Amino acid sequence: MKKNKEDIKKVVLAYSGGLDTSIIIPWLKENYNNCEVIAVSGDVGQGTELDGLEEKAIKTGASKLYVLDLKKDYIENYIWPCLKADAKYEDYLLGTSHARPCIAKALADIAKKEGADAICHGCTGKGNDQVRFELTLKAMAPDMTIIAPWREWNIKSRDEEIDYAEAHNIPLKINRETNYSKDKNLWHLSHEGLDLEKPSLEPQYNKPGFLELGVSPEQAPDTPTYVKIHFEKGIPTAVDGKEMGSVELVEYLNKLGGENGIGLLDIVENRLVGMKSRGVYETPGGAILYKAHNVLETITLDKESFHFKEIIAQKMGELVYNGQWFTPLREAISAFTDDLQKTVTGDVTLKLYKGNMINAGVTSPYTLYDEQTASFGEDEDYNQADATGFINLFGLPIAERAKLAKSWPTEE
């Protein structure tokens, strides 16, 4: 049951140390009766963004800070299910989308442990993340009060946020000129705002400091890089013959892909809340894994399974993008996908060259490709004369319609 403002004594805040959450701590204390604020940072691979976070949180009014290492959980329980399903949303590989339920579930766990009265997040009222956080919280802590400052305060822009921060002596890592809205984790880095809000303008890929996970294709090496990825039941487990844990594997492929200009996406996407939004995404390792996984499925899945999986991949992508991770349908799609992945084991070699990923070979002990049958040469399995009956039956509706159409009334 939602509590009244005066009844809220302890709030758990999803804290990144970025612009939004940096000003939320003093704002909560000012507007919620000097309530206790417990900051929680979910480490899903933000890297140096977490440096100095505890000191900053305490100085701005938090009673404590939890930093939770969620990287392995994030990859294995959120990213891998999407990879196995080939889930995308309008070509976007869901970098922010599947990080939110991972973080929000951890928030709910801490809130219960701390006996909190409310959970607070810094998502804007225009974005998708507010939905992703809150739908997860409804699933994990349905009776918990949720505070969303962007839907309460009078601040209208990031410039006004900076004004608030400066007035409260809150240190920031950004300034008004380089104020891109960014989200970084193990899987991706997103860029929004400033000149990117004009779809007529090309992103400044070669501008120093814009790209962080890699380089533009023009700046990539003039010689290709080959990489071989091994999958077990749809999950990548080794690169170039070296077995790796999930975190190490993604980090390695991010470096390799980034160096070769892989995984850049510039799109105007359809947000859940109804508006269109332009963003640039860097997903170098993820792009490699999606490509390799798809190539492996071309020889390990039968036609009907492969085609049907393409249909549910779109639905899976929509569910994840829309924040519906903890729903029966998403769980059912993942169960279906897991069953199909039983034979998606093998090796895929890709040639990386200036932003391109070129198939350079695929093998699997469960291959459905029979060179002898598929060959244009002589084979023992296929009688070409059988095709006559097949075509006659397959084309029967077309032939019958053509014959009967001769007697149809003509239109005047």
Protein backbone atom coordinates (compact mmCIF):
# COMPACT_ATOMS: atom_id res chain seq x y z
CA MET A 1 0.00 0.00 0.00
CA LYS A 2 1.37 3.42 -0.98
CA LYS A 3 2.37 5.40 2.11
CA ASN A 4 1.75 9.08 2.69
CA LYS A 5 4.75 11.37 2.40
CA GLU A 6 4.88 12.00 6.16
CA ASP A 7 5.00 8.25 6.88
CA ILE A 8 8.13 7.64 4.82
CA LYS A 9 11.13 7.46 7.14
CA LYS A 10 13.58 5.33 5.16
CA VAL A 11 14.11 5.31 1.40
CA VAL A 12 16.29 3.00 -0.70
CA LEU A 13 17.60 4.90 -3.73
CA ALA A 14 18.88 3.42 -6.97
CA TYR A 15 22.13 5.38 -7.05
CA SER A 16 24.53 5.73 -9.96
CA GLY A 17 26.30 8.92 -8.92
CA GLY A 18 25.24 10.52 -12.20
CA LEU A 19 23.46 13.82 -12.55
CA ASP A 20 19.95 12.60 -11.71
CA THR A 21 20.69 10.54 -8.63
CA SER A 22 23.34 12.97 -7.34
CA ILE A 23 20.71 15.62 -6.74
CA ILE A 24 18.00 13.21 -5.60
CA ILE A 25 19.58 12.52 -2.19
CA PRO A 26 19.36 16.14 -0.95
CA TRP A 27 16.01 16.54 -2.72
CA LEU A 28 14.57 13.55 -0.84
CA LYS A 29 15.76 14.89 2.48
CA GLU A 30 14.29 18.30 1.70
CA ASN A 31 10.93 16.98 0.53
CA TYR A 32 10.41 13.84 2.60
CA ASN A 33 10.88 15.11 6.17
CA ASN A 34 14.64 14.56 6.32
CA CYS A 35 14.13 10.83 5.74
CA GLU A 36 17.02 8.39 5.87
CA VAL A 37 18.37 7.65 2.39
CA ILE A 38 20.17 4.39 1.71
CA ALA A 39 21.94 4.46 -1.65
CA VAL A 40 22.28 1.26 -3.66
CA SER A 41 24.53 0.93 -6.72
CA GLY A 42 24.23 -2.16 -8.85
CA ASP A 43 27.55 -2.86 -10.54
CA VAL A 44 26.63 -4.18 -13.96
CA GLY A 45 29.92 -3.11 -15.47
CA GLN A 46 30.00 0.68 -15.26
CA GLY A 47 33.73 0.54 -14.53
CA THR A 48 35.29 3.76 -13.29
CA GLU A 49 31.87 5.39 -12.96
CA LEU A 50 31.67 3.71 -9.55
CA ASP A 51 34.94 5.24 -8.31
CA GLY A 52 34.49 7.49 -5.29
CA LEU A 53 30.77 6.74 -5.13
CA GLU A 54 30.60 6.01 -1.41
CA GLU A 55 32.24 9.27 -0.39
CA LYS A 56 29.98 11.20 -2.75
CA ALA A 57 26.81 9.47 -1.51
CA ILE A 58 27.63 10.08 2.15
CA LYS A 59 28.64 13.71 1.57
CA THR A 60 25.35 14.45 -0.17
CA GLY A 61 23.28 12.97 2.65
CA ALA A 62 23.01 9.19 2.34
CA SER A 63 23.38 7.15 5.51
CA LYS A 64 25.18 4.34 3.67
CA LEU A 65 25.93 2.96 0.23
CA TYR A 66 25.62 -0.61 -0.99
CA VAL A 67 27.68 -1.48 -4.07
CA LEU A 68 26.42 -4.82 -5.35
CA ASP A 69 28.46 -6.84 -7.82
CA LEU A 70 25.74 -7.91 -10.27
CA LYS A 71 27.92 -8.48 -13.34
CA LYS A 72 27.75 -12.28 -13.42
CA ASP A 73 24.06 -12.30 -12.54
CA TYR A 74 23.39 -9.71 -15.24
CA ILE A 75 25.12 -11.64 -17.99
CA GLU A 76 23.99 -15.15 -17.16
CA ASN A 77 20.42 -14.51 -16.05
CA TYR A 78 19.45 -11.59 -18.30
CA ILE A 79 21.80 -11.24 -21.28
CA TRP A 80 22.20 -14.93 -22.11
CA PRO A 81 18.43 -15.58 -22.27
CA CYS A 82 18.11 -12.68 -24.74
CA LEU A 83 21.08 -13.89 -26.78
CA LYS A 84 19.66 -17.42 -26.96
CA ALA A 85 16.35 -15.98 -28.16
CA ASP A 86 18.07 -13.57 -30.61
CA ALA A 87 15.91 -10.89 -28.97
CA LYS A 88 16.24 -7.34 -30.30
CA TYR A 89 14.10 -4.24 -30.38
CA GLU A 90 14.28 -2.39 -33.70
CA ASP A 91 17.89 -3.66 -34.13
CA TYR A 92 18.78 -2.47 -30.61
CA LEU A 93 20.48 -5.19 -28.56
CA LEU A 94 18.66 -4.23 -25.33
CA GLY A 95 21.66 -2.96 -23.37
CA THR A 96 19.75 -0.72 -20.98
CA SER A 97 16.57 -2.76 -21.11
CA HIS A 98 17.76 -5.98 -19.49
CA ALA A 99 20.04 -4.22 -16.99
CA ARG A 100 17.08 -2.53 -15.30
CA PRO A 101 15.25 -5.63 -14.03
CA CYS A 102 18.57 -7.00 -12.76
CA ILE A 103 19.22 -3.81 -10.76
CA ALA A 104 15.61 -3.35 -9.65
CA LYS A 105 15.41 -6.89 -8.26
CA ALA A 106 18.52 -6.19 -6.17
CA LEU A 107 16.96 -2.91 -5.00
CA ALA A 108 13.87 -4.74 -3.81
CA ASP A 109 16.03 -7.24 -1.91
CA ILE A 110 17.90 -4.44 -0.09
CA ALA A 111 14.68 -2.55 0.64
CA LYS A 112 13.21 -5.62 2.32
CA LYS A 113 16.44 -6.26 4.23
CA GLU A 114 16.57 -2.64 5.46
CA GLY A 115 12.87 -2.40 6.28
CA ALA A 116 12.52 0.58 3.95
CA ASP A 117 9.27 2.45 3.46
CA ALA A 118 9.92 3.33 -0.17
CA ILE A 119 12.18 2.78 -3.17
CA CYS A 120 13.29 5.75 -5.28
CA HIS A 121 14.71 5.90 -8.80
CA GLY A 122 16.02 8.74 -10.97
CA CYS A 123 14.33 7.82 -14.25
CA THR A 124 12.69 10.62 -16.18
CA GLY A 125 8.98 10.76 -16.89
CA LYS A 126 9.72 10.69 -20.62
CA GLY A 127 11.82 7.55 -20.69
CA ASN A 128 11.44 3.78 -20.78
CA ASP A 129 13.50 3.05 -17.67
CA GLN A 130 10.83 4.25 -15.24
CA VAL A 131 8.58 1.48 -16.56
CA ARG A 132 11.32 -1.15 -16.43
CA PHE A 133 12.21 -0.33 -12.84
CA GLU A 134 8.68 -0.09 -11.58
CA LEU A 135 7.30 -3.21 -13.28
CA THR A 136 10.13 -5.20 -11.71
CA LEU A 137 9.41 -3.63 -8.31
CA LYS A 138 5.73 -4.50 -8.69
CA ALA A 139 6.77 -8.11 -9.27
CA MET A 140 9.36 -8.24 -6.48
CA ALA A 141 7.81 -5.91 -3.84
CA PRO A 142 4.21 -5.19 -4.86
CA ASP A 143 3.35 -3.32 -1.63
CA MET A 144 6.37 -1.00 -1.68
CA THR A 145 5.90 2.73 -2.24
CA ILE A 146 7.79 4.02 -5.27
CA ILE A 147 9.14 7.57 -5.47
CA ALA A 148 9.96 9.03 -8.90
CA PRO A 149 11.27 12.61 -8.39
CA TRP A 150 11.08 13.47 -12.09
CA ARG A 151 7.31 13.07 -11.81
CA GLU A 152 7.15 15.27 -8.70
CA TRP A 153 9.70 18.06 -8.76
CA ASN A 154 9.66 21.31 -10.74
CA ILE A 155 12.98 20.65 -12.48
CA LYS A 156 12.35 20.52 -16.22
CA SER A 157 15.74 19.97 -17.85
CA ARG A 158 19.26 18.72 -17.33
CA ASP A 159 20.45 22.34 -17.25
CA GLU A 160 18.14 22.96 -14.29
CA GLU A 161 19.49 19.80 -12.64
CA ILE A 162 23.00 21.23 -12.95
CA ASP A 163 21.74 24.48 -11.43
CA TYR A 164 20.37 22.52 -8.46
CA ALA A 165 23.63 20.58 -8.07
CA GLU A 166 25.71 23.75 -8.12
CA ALA A 167 23.43 25.42 -5.56
CA HIS A 168 23.86 22.42 -3.24
CA ASN A 169 27.64 22.05 -3.85
CA ILE A 170 27.25 18.62 -5.43
CA PRO A 171 30.31 17.69 -7.56
CA LEU A 172 29.57 16.51 -11.09
CA LYS A 173 31.67 14.74 -13.70
CA ILE A 174 29.91 16.51 -16.58
CA ASN A 175 29.42 20.07 -17.74
CA ARG A 176 26.82 21.83 -19.82
CA GLU A 177 28.81 21.51 -23.04
CA THR A 178 29.47 17.76 -22.82
CA ASN A 179 26.18 16.86 -21.24
CA TYR A 180 25.32 13.74 -23.25
CA SER A 181 22.99 11.41 -21.42
CA LYS A 182 24.93 8.14 -21.24
CA ASP A 183 24.27 4.71 -19.82
CA LYS A 184 27.13 2.24 -19.55
CA ASN A 185 27.32 -1.39 -18.52
CA LEU A 186 29.17 -4.57 -19.48
CA TRP A 187 27.04 -4.99 -22.57
CA HIS A 188 26.82 -1.52 -24.07
CA LEU A 189 27.12 2.24 -23.92
CA SER A 190 24.27 4.50 -25.02
CA HIS A 191 24.47 8.15 -26.02
CA GLU A 192 21.52 10.56 -26.14
CA GLY A 193 20.97 14.32 -26.09
CA LEU A 194 22.74 17.43 -27.44
CA ASP A 195 23.34 17.20 -31.23
CA LEU A 196 21.96 13.64 -31.29
CA GLU A 197 18.49 15.07 -30.78
CA LYS A 198 18.64 16.22 -34.41
CA PRO A 199 18.35 13.17 -36.71
CA SER A 200 19.63 15.31 -39.59
CA LEU A 201 23.10 15.42 -38.00
CA GLU A 202 25.68 12.66 -38.28
CA PRO A 203 27.07 11.46 -34.95
CA GLN A 204 30.58 12.71 -34.26
CA TYR A 205 32.14 9.25 -34.06
CA ASN A 206 35.67 10.57 -34.58
CA LYS A 207 35.34 13.35 -32.03
CA PRO A 208 37.66 12.62 -29.08
CA GLY A 209 35.76 11.33 -26.08
CA PHE A 210 32.53 10.46 -27.90
CA LEU A 211 33.04 6.74 -28.44
CA GLU A 212 34.27 4.95 -25.33
CA LEU A 213 34.10 1.23 -26.13
CA GLY A 214 35.77 1.37 -29.51
CA VAL A 215 36.61 3.35 -32.63
CA SER A 216 34.76 4.29 -35.79
CA PRO A 217 35.11 1.92 -38.78
CA GLU A 218 37.33 4.51 -40.50
CA GLN A 219 39.78 4.36 -37.61
CA ALA A 220 39.80 0.55 -37.38
CA PRO A 221 42.83 -1.45 -38.61
CA ASP A 222 43.34 -2.00 -42.34
CA THR A 223 43.80 -5.73 -41.80
CA PRO A 224 40.99 -8.07 -40.64
CA THR A 225 40.86 -9.83 -37.28
CA TYR A 226 39.58 -13.41 -37.03
CA VAL A 227 37.79 -14.67 -33.94
CA LYS A 228 36.41 -18.14 -33.19
CA ILE A 229 33.63 -18.48 -30.62
CA HIS A 230 32.49 -21.74 -29.08
CA PHE A 231 28.90 -22.17 -27.91
CA GLU A 232 27.41 -24.83 -25.63
CA LYS A 233 23.61 -25.04 -25.88
CA GLY A 234 23.45 -21.47 -27.12
CA ILE A 235 25.79 -20.01 -24.49
CA PRO A 236 29.27 -18.75 -25.48
CA THR A 237 31.93 -20.46 -23.39
CA ALA A 238 35.25 -19.98 -25.20
CA VAL A 239 37.04 -17.60 -27.57
CA ASP A 240 39.84 -18.79 -29.86
CA GLY A 241 40.04 -22.06 -27.93
CA LYS A 242 40.33 -20.42 -24.52
CA GLU A 243 37.55 -21.14 -22.06
CA MET A 244 36.29 -18.01 -20.31
CA GLY A 245 33.80 -17.08 -17.64
CA SER A 246 30.83 -15.00 -18.77
CA VAL A 247 32.19 -11.65 -17.54
CA GLU A 248 35.67 -12.20 -18.95
CA LEU A 249 34.27 -13.34 -22.29
CA VAL A 250 32.07 -10.26 -22.78
CA GLU A 251 34.87 -7.92 -21.71
CA TYR A 252 37.29 -9.58 -24.13
CA LEU A 253 34.90 -9.40 -27.08
CA ASN A 254 34.08 -5.79 -26.26
CA LYS A 255 37.78 -4.96 -26.59
CA LEU A 256 38.21 -6.99 -29.77
CA GLY A 257 35.05 -5.67 -31.38
CA GLY A 258 35.69 -2.11 -30.30
CA GLU A 259 39.15 -2.11 -31.87
CA ASN A 260 37.56 -3.13 -35.18
CA GLY A 261 34.72 -0.63 -35.19
CA ILE A 262 32.08 -3.30 -34.54
CA GLY A 263 28.69 -2.75 -32.95
CA LEU A 264 27.81 0.89 -33.64
CA LEU A 265 24.10 1.60 -34.04
CA ASP A 266 22.47 4.96 -34.77
CA ILE A 267 18.68 4.71 -34.65
CA VAL A 268 15.52 6.67 -34.10
CA GLU A 269 13.56 4.21 -31.98
CA ASN A 270 9.96 4.09 -30.83
CA ARG A 271 9.93 4.52 -27.07
CA LEU A 272 7.40 2.69 -24.95
CA VAL A 273 5.92 6.00 -23.75
CA GLY A 274 4.95 6.97 -27.29
CA MET A 275 7.60 9.33 -28.62
CA LYS A 276 10.46 8.71 -31.00
CA SER A 277 13.98 9.02 -29.62
CA ARG A 278 17.34 9.16 -31.37
CA GLY A 279 20.27 7.37 -29.77
CA VAL A 280 23.70 5.97 -30.58
CA TYR A 281 24.64 2.61 -29.10
CA GLU A 282 28.01 0.91 -28.76
CA THR A 283 27.67 -2.86 -28.35
CA PRO A 284 30.86 -4.38 -29.81
CA GLY A 285 30.98 -7.70 -27.97
CA GLY A 286 27.23 -8.13 -28.08
CA ALA A 287 27.10 -7.58 -31.82
CA ILE A 288 29.75 -10.28 -32.32
CA LEU A 289 27.86 -12.74 -30.12
CA TYR A 290 24.50 -12.14 -31.79
CA LYS A 291 26.05 -12.60 -35.24
CA ALA A 292 27.94 -15.75 -34.28
CA HIS A 293 24.94 -17.27 -32.51
CA ASN A 294 22.73 -16.65 -35.52
CA VAL A 295 25.27 -18.24 -37.86
CA LEU A 296 25.46 -21.33 -35.63
CA GLU A 297 21.67 -21.67 -35.62
CA THR A 298 21.61 -21.75 -39.44
CA ILE A 299 23.11 -25.25 -39.33
CA THR A 300 21.69 -26.53 -36.01
CA LEU A 301 18.00 -25.59 -36.20
CA ASP A 302 15.48 -27.02 -38.65
CA LYS A 303 13.58 -24.67 -40.95
CA GLU A 304 10.30 -24.54 -39.01
CA SER A 305 12.02 -23.99 -35.67
CA PHE A 306 14.33 -21.34 -37.13
CA HIS A 307 11.47 -19.40 -38.72
CA PHE A 308 9.16 -19.64 -35.72
CA LYS A 309 11.98 -18.55 -33.44
CA GLU A 310 12.36 -15.39 -35.51
CA ILE A 311 8.73 -14.53 -34.72
CA ILE A 312 9.04 -15.01 -30.96
CA ALA A 313 12.42 -13.24 -30.96
CA GLN A 314 10.61 -10.04 -31.87
CA LYS A 315 8.06 -10.60 -29.11
CA MET A 316 10.81 -11.35 -26.61
CA GLY A 317 12.57 -8.14 -27.62
CA GLU A 318 9.39 -6.13 -27.12
CA LEU A 319 8.74 -7.66 -23.70
CA VAL A 320 12.28 -6.89 -22.50
CA TYR A 321 12.27 -3.38 -23.97
CA ASN A 322 8.90 -2.70 -22.33
CA GLY A 323 10.08 -3.81 -18.89
CA GLN A 324 8.05 -7.01 -18.79
CA TRP A 325 10.89 -9.30 -17.75
CA PHE A 326 9.15 -10.86 -14.76
CA THR A 327 6.05 -12.00 -16.63
CA PRO A 328 4.70 -15.46 -17.50
CA LEU A 329 5.06 -14.88 -21.24
CA ARG A 330 8.73 -13.85 -21.07
CA GLU A 331 9.47 -16.85 -18.88
CA ALA A 332 7.59 -19.16 -21.25
CA ILE A 333 9.46 -17.83 -24.29
CA SER A 334 12.76 -18.38 -22.47
CA ALA A 335 11.74 -21.95 -21.61
CA PHE A 336 10.86 -22.61 -25.25
CA THR A 337 14.13 -21.10 -26.40
CA ASP A 338 16.15 -23.13 -23.89
CA ASP A 339 14.63 -26.30 -25.31
CA LEU A 340 15.60 -25.35 -28.87
CA GLN A 341 19.13 -24.50 -27.76
CA LYS A 342 19.91 -28.12 -26.83
CA THR A 343 21.65 -28.61 -30.17
CA VAL A 344 23.06 -25.10 -30.62
CA THR A 345 26.61 -26.20 -29.84
CA GLY A 346 29.62 -25.61 -32.05
CA ASP A 347 32.20 -23.14 -33.31
CA VAL A 348 31.76 -20.01 -35.39
CA THR A 349 34.60 -18.03 -36.95
CA LEU A 350 34.01 -14.42 -37.90
CA LYS A 351 36.22 -12.01 -39.80
CA LEU A 352 36.05 -8.54 -38.26
CA TYR A 353 36.92 -5.73 -40.62
CA LYS A 354 36.12 -2.03 -40.27
CA GLY A 355 32.72 -2.44 -38.68
CA ASN A 356 31.81 -5.58 -40.63
CA MET A 357 31.35 -9.11 -39.33
CA ILE A 358 31.87 -11.65 -42.10
CA ASN A 359 31.07 -15.33 -41.69
CA ALA A 360 34.33 -17.28 -41.98
CA GLY A 361 33.18 -20.81 -41.09
CA VAL A 362 30.85 -22.75 -38.81
CA THR A 363 30.89 -26.31 -37.45
CA SER A 364 28.71 -28.29 -35.06
CA PRO A 365 28.42 -31.91 -33.93
CA TYR A 366 24.65 -31.40 -34.33
CA THR A 367 24.79 -29.97 -37.85
CA LEU A 368 21.77 -30.47 -40.09
CA TYR A 369 23.77 -29.59 -43.18
CA ASP A 370 24.59 -32.65 -45.30
CA GLU A 371 27.13 -31.77 -47.95
CA GLN A 372 26.39 -34.94 -49.90
CA THR A 373 22.67 -34.19 -50.14
CA ALA A 374 23.07 -30.48 -50.80
CA SER A 375 25.75 -30.94 -53.44
CA PHE A 376 25.10 -29.97 -57.07
CA GLY A 377 27.04 -33.06 -57.95
CA GLU A 378 25.86 -36.66 -57.87
CA ASP A 379 24.31 -37.80 -54.58
CA GLU A 380 22.65 -40.89 -53.14
CA ASP A 381 19.71 -39.33 -51.26
CA TYR A 382 17.90 -37.04 -53.66
CA ASN A 383 16.02 -38.24 -56.74
CA GLN A 384 15.52 -35.17 -58.84
CA ALA A 385 12.55 -36.74 -60.62
CA ASP A 386 10.65 -36.62 -57.30
CA ALA A 387 10.50 -32.85 -57.65
CA THR A 388 7.87 -33.16 -60.40
CA GLY A 389 5.21 -34.55 -58.07
CA PHE A 390 6.17 -32.14 -55.32
CA ILE A 391 5.84 -29.11 -57.58
CA ASN A 392 2.52 -30.34 -58.99
CA LEU A 393 1.02 -30.67 -55.50
CA PHE A 394 2.64 -27.52 -54.14
CA GLY A 395 1.44 -25.54 -57.17
CA LEU A 396 -2.04 -27.09 -57.34
CA PRO A 397 -3.84 -24.07 -55.78
CA ILE A 398 -2.15 -21.73 -58.26
CA ALA A 399 -3.03 -23.89 -61.29
CA GLU A 400 -6.64 -24.44 -60.15
CA ARG A 401 -7.22 -20.75 -59.59
CA ALA A 402 -5.81 -19.91 -63.01
CA LYS A 403 -8.10 -22.46 -64.75
CA LEU A 404 -11.25 -21.44 -62.87
CA ALA A 405 -10.56 -17.73 -63.29
CA LYS A 406 -11.17 -18.12 -67.04
CA SER A 407 -14.89 -18.62 -66.33
CA TRP A 408 -15.27 -15.81 -63.79
CA PRO A 409 -17.49 -12.85 -64.64
CA THR A 410 -15.53 -9.97 -66.09
CA GLU A 411 -15.64 -6.61 -64.36
CA GLU A 412 -17.18 -3.83 -66.36
